[in-house]
N, C-alpha and C. Protein backbone atom coordinates (compact mmCIF):
# COMPACT_ATOMS: atom_id res chain seq x y z
N LEU A 1 168.07 43.92 28.94
CA LEU A 1 167.99 44.97 29.93
C LEU A 1 168.52 44.52 31.28
N ALA A 2 168.37 43.23 31.57
CA ALA A 2 168.84 42.73 32.85
C ALA A 2 170.33 42.46 32.83
N ARG A 3 170.92 42.52 31.66
CA ARG A 3 172.36 42.30 31.49
C ARG A 3 172.81 40.94 32.03
N ILE A 4 172.04 39.93 31.66
CA ILE A 4 172.39 38.58 32.07
C ILE A 4 173.47 38.08 31.13
N GLY A 5 174.54 37.62 31.71
CA GLY A 5 175.63 37.11 30.89
C GLY A 5 175.33 35.70 30.38
N LEU A 6 175.31 35.53 29.06
CA LEU A 6 175.06 34.22 28.47
C LEU A 6 176.18 33.88 27.50
N GLU A 7 176.48 32.60 27.45
CA GLU A 7 177.46 32.13 26.47
C GLU A 7 176.75 31.92 25.13
N GLU A 8 177.51 31.84 24.07
CA GLU A 8 176.93 31.69 22.73
C GLU A 8 176.03 30.46 22.62
N LYS A 9 176.44 29.33 23.20
CA LYS A 9 175.62 28.12 23.10
C LYS A 9 174.31 28.27 23.89
N GLU A 10 174.35 29.04 24.99
CA GLU A 10 173.13 29.30 25.75
C GLU A 10 172.18 30.21 24.97
N ILE A 11 172.74 31.20 24.29
CA ILE A 11 171.93 32.11 23.49
C ILE A 11 171.17 31.33 22.43
N GLU A 12 171.83 30.43 21.76
CA GLU A 12 171.18 29.63 20.71
C GLU A 12 170.11 28.72 21.30
N LYS A 13 170.38 28.13 22.46
CA LYS A 13 169.40 27.26 23.12
C LYS A 13 168.14 28.05 23.48
N TYR A 14 168.31 29.23 24.10
CA TYR A 14 167.17 30.05 24.48
C TYR A 14 166.42 30.56 23.25
N ARG A 15 167.14 30.84 22.19
CA ARG A 15 166.50 31.29 20.96
C ARG A 15 165.57 30.20 20.42
N ARG A 16 166.05 28.95 20.44
CA ARG A 16 165.22 27.82 19.98
C ARG A 16 164.02 27.62 20.90
N ASP A 17 164.26 27.66 22.22
CA ASP A 17 163.17 27.45 23.18
C ASP A 17 162.09 28.53 23.05
N LEU A 18 162.50 29.77 22.97
CA LEU A 18 161.52 30.86 22.84
C LEU A 18 160.77 30.78 21.52
N SER A 19 161.46 30.39 20.48
CA SER A 19 160.81 30.23 19.18
C SER A 19 159.75 29.14 19.24
N ALA A 20 160.05 28.03 19.93
CA ALA A 20 159.08 26.94 20.07
C ALA A 20 157.86 27.41 20.86
N ILE A 21 158.06 28.21 21.88
CA ILE A 21 156.94 28.73 22.68
C ILE A 21 156.07 29.64 21.82
N LEU A 22 156.68 30.53 21.06
CA LEU A 22 155.91 31.44 20.20
C LEU A 22 155.17 30.67 19.12
N ASP A 23 155.77 29.63 18.57
CA ASP A 23 155.09 28.79 17.58
C ASP A 23 153.87 28.12 18.18
N TYR A 24 153.96 27.71 19.45
CA TYR A 24 152.81 27.09 20.12
C TYR A 24 151.67 28.09 20.27
N PHE A 25 151.99 29.34 20.59
CA PHE A 25 150.95 30.36 20.70
C PHE A 25 150.29 30.61 19.35
N LYS A 26 151.05 30.50 18.28
CA LYS A 26 150.46 30.66 16.94
C LYS A 26 149.43 29.55 16.69
N LYS A 27 149.73 28.34 17.15
CA LYS A 27 148.77 27.23 17.01
C LYS A 27 147.51 27.52 17.81
N LEU A 28 147.67 28.07 19.01
CA LEU A 28 146.50 28.39 19.84
C LEU A 28 145.62 29.45 19.20
N GLU A 29 146.21 30.38 18.46
CA GLU A 29 145.44 31.42 17.80
C GLU A 29 144.53 30.85 16.72
N GLU A 30 144.82 29.66 16.22
CA GLU A 30 144.01 29.04 15.17
C GLU A 30 142.72 28.44 15.72
N LEU A 31 142.61 28.26 17.03
CA LEU A 31 141.43 27.66 17.64
C LEU A 31 140.23 28.59 17.55
N ASP A 32 139.05 28.00 17.32
CA ASP A 32 137.81 28.77 17.28
C ASP A 32 137.28 28.90 18.71
N THR A 33 137.27 30.10 19.24
CA THR A 33 136.84 30.32 20.62
C THR A 33 135.60 31.22 20.69
N LYS A 34 134.86 31.31 19.59
CA LYS A 34 133.69 32.21 19.55
C LYS A 34 132.63 31.81 20.57
N ASN A 35 132.38 30.53 20.76
CA ASN A 35 131.31 30.07 21.64
C ASN A 35 131.81 29.65 23.02
N ILE A 36 132.99 30.09 23.38
CA ILE A 36 133.56 29.73 24.67
C ILE A 36 133.57 30.97 25.56
N ASP A 37 132.98 30.83 26.74
CA ASP A 37 132.94 31.95 27.68
C ASP A 37 134.32 32.18 28.27
N PRO A 38 134.69 33.44 28.48
CA PRO A 38 135.98 33.73 29.12
C PRO A 38 135.98 33.23 30.56
N VAL A 39 137.13 32.81 31.02
CA VAL A 39 137.28 32.29 32.37
C VAL A 39 138.23 33.20 33.13
N GLY A 40 137.78 33.68 34.29
CA GLY A 40 138.63 34.54 35.11
C GLY A 40 139.51 33.74 36.04
N HIS A 41 139.02 32.56 36.44
CA HIS A 41 139.78 31.72 37.36
C HIS A 41 139.38 30.28 37.09
N ILE A 42 140.33 29.40 36.95
CA ILE A 42 140.01 28.04 36.52
C ILE A 42 139.27 27.22 37.57
N THR A 43 139.34 27.60 38.84
CA THR A 43 138.65 26.82 39.87
C THR A 43 137.24 27.33 40.13
N GLU A 44 136.84 28.39 39.45
CA GLU A 44 135.50 28.97 39.59
C GLU A 44 135.18 29.40 41.02
N THR A 45 136.19 29.69 41.81
CA THR A 45 135.92 30.19 43.16
C THR A 45 135.51 31.65 43.06
N CYS A 46 134.68 32.06 43.98
CA CYS A 46 134.25 33.45 44.01
C CYS A 46 134.77 34.08 45.30
N ASN A 47 134.55 35.35 45.41
CA ASN A 47 135.02 36.09 46.57
C ASN A 47 134.36 35.53 47.83
N VAL A 48 135.17 35.11 48.79
CA VAL A 48 134.64 34.52 50.01
C VAL A 48 134.90 35.40 51.24
N ILE A 49 135.09 36.68 50.99
CA ILE A 49 135.33 37.61 52.09
C ILE A 49 134.01 37.86 52.81
N ARG A 50 134.08 37.92 54.11
CA ARG A 50 132.87 38.12 54.90
C ARG A 50 132.30 39.50 54.68
N GLU A 51 131.03 39.65 55.01
CA GLU A 51 130.37 40.94 54.92
C GLU A 51 130.99 41.90 55.94
N ASP A 52 131.19 43.14 55.54
CA ASP A 52 131.78 44.14 56.42
C ASP A 52 130.68 44.75 57.27
N ARG A 53 130.54 44.25 58.48
CA ARG A 53 129.50 44.75 59.37
C ARG A 53 130.02 44.79 60.80
N ARG A 54 129.37 45.58 61.61
CA ARG A 54 129.76 45.72 63.00
C ARG A 54 129.26 44.51 63.77
N ASN A 55 130.12 43.93 64.57
CA ASN A 55 129.76 42.79 65.39
C ASN A 55 129.46 43.28 66.80
N VAL A 56 128.20 43.26 67.16
CA VAL A 56 127.80 43.73 68.48
C VAL A 56 127.83 42.54 69.44
N SER A 57 128.63 42.65 70.48
CA SER A 57 128.72 41.56 71.45
C SER A 57 128.09 42.01 72.77
N LYS A 58 127.90 41.03 73.62
CA LYS A 58 127.33 41.35 74.93
C LYS A 58 128.33 42.18 75.73
N LYS A 59 127.82 43.03 76.58
CA LYS A 59 128.68 43.91 77.37
C LYS A 59 129.61 43.11 78.26
N SER A 60 129.14 41.99 78.82
CA SER A 60 130.00 41.18 79.69
C SER A 60 131.18 40.59 78.91
N GLU A 61 130.95 40.20 77.66
CA GLU A 61 132.04 39.68 76.82
C GLU A 61 133.05 40.78 76.53
N ARG A 62 132.57 41.97 76.21
CA ARG A 62 133.47 43.09 75.94
C ARG A 62 134.32 43.42 77.16
N GLU A 63 133.71 43.39 78.32
CA GLU A 63 134.44 43.69 79.55
C GLU A 63 135.54 42.67 79.80
N LYS A 64 135.25 41.40 79.55
CA LYS A 64 136.27 40.36 79.72
C LYS A 64 137.44 40.59 78.77
N ILE A 65 137.12 40.94 77.54
CA ILE A 65 138.18 41.18 76.54
C ILE A 65 139.02 42.38 76.95
N ILE A 66 138.39 43.46 77.33
CA ILE A 66 139.10 44.69 77.69
C ILE A 66 139.98 44.47 78.92
N LYS A 67 139.56 43.62 79.84
CA LYS A 67 140.38 43.33 81.02
C LYS A 67 141.69 42.63 80.64
N ASN A 68 141.70 41.91 79.52
CA ASN A 68 142.90 41.18 79.08
C ASN A 68 143.83 42.02 78.21
N ILE A 69 143.45 43.23 77.92
CA ILE A 69 144.26 44.10 77.07
C ILE A 69 145.22 44.88 77.95
N PRO A 70 146.52 44.94 77.55
CA PRO A 70 147.50 45.65 78.38
C PRO A 70 147.16 47.11 78.64
N GLU A 71 146.73 47.82 77.59
CA GLU A 71 146.38 49.24 77.78
C GLU A 71 145.06 49.52 77.07
N ASN A 72 144.19 50.24 77.77
CA ASN A 72 142.94 50.64 77.15
C ASN A 72 142.55 52.02 77.66
N LYS A 73 141.67 52.61 76.94
CA LYS A 73 141.13 53.91 77.34
C LYS A 73 139.62 53.82 77.15
N GLU A 74 138.91 53.85 78.26
CA GLU A 74 137.47 53.63 78.27
C GLU A 74 137.19 52.27 77.62
N ASP A 75 136.42 52.23 76.54
CA ASP A 75 136.11 50.95 75.89
C ASP A 75 136.95 50.70 74.64
N TYR A 76 138.07 51.39 74.51
CA TYR A 76 138.89 51.27 73.31
C TYR A 76 140.25 50.68 73.64
N LEU A 77 140.81 50.01 72.64
CA LEU A 77 142.18 49.48 72.77
C LEU A 77 143.15 50.61 72.57
N LYS A 78 144.20 50.63 73.35
CA LYS A 78 145.24 51.64 73.17
C LYS A 78 146.42 50.94 72.53
N VAL A 79 146.82 51.40 71.37
CA VAL A 79 147.93 50.80 70.64
C VAL A 79 149.00 51.84 70.37
N ARG A 80 150.21 51.35 70.07
CA ARG A 80 151.30 52.27 69.75
C ARG A 80 151.05 52.94 68.41
N SER A 81 151.55 54.13 68.27
CA SER A 81 151.42 54.85 67.02
C SER A 81 152.17 54.12 65.92
N VAL A 82 151.59 54.11 64.74
CA VAL A 82 152.20 53.40 63.61
C VAL A 82 153.10 54.34 62.81
N LEU A 83 152.75 55.58 62.73
CA LEU A 83 153.54 56.51 61.93
C LEU A 83 154.62 57.17 62.72
């Protein structure tokens, strides 16, 4: 489908390589995996995203931040339209 141009000797090489890969998968199918738990990720890491909550800061800190923003409206940041 990708229309990759291959020479005859390359076609034969890839045919042998792919056949060897498929033969290896056939060997893996022979393994008994009944008592093995499925693994979603090999490092066993879990989701480390922080909790989605509002961070309430002191009013003096907010005022300092807002003073450093180029444009604001009341207590909100003013940003350019995205759409």
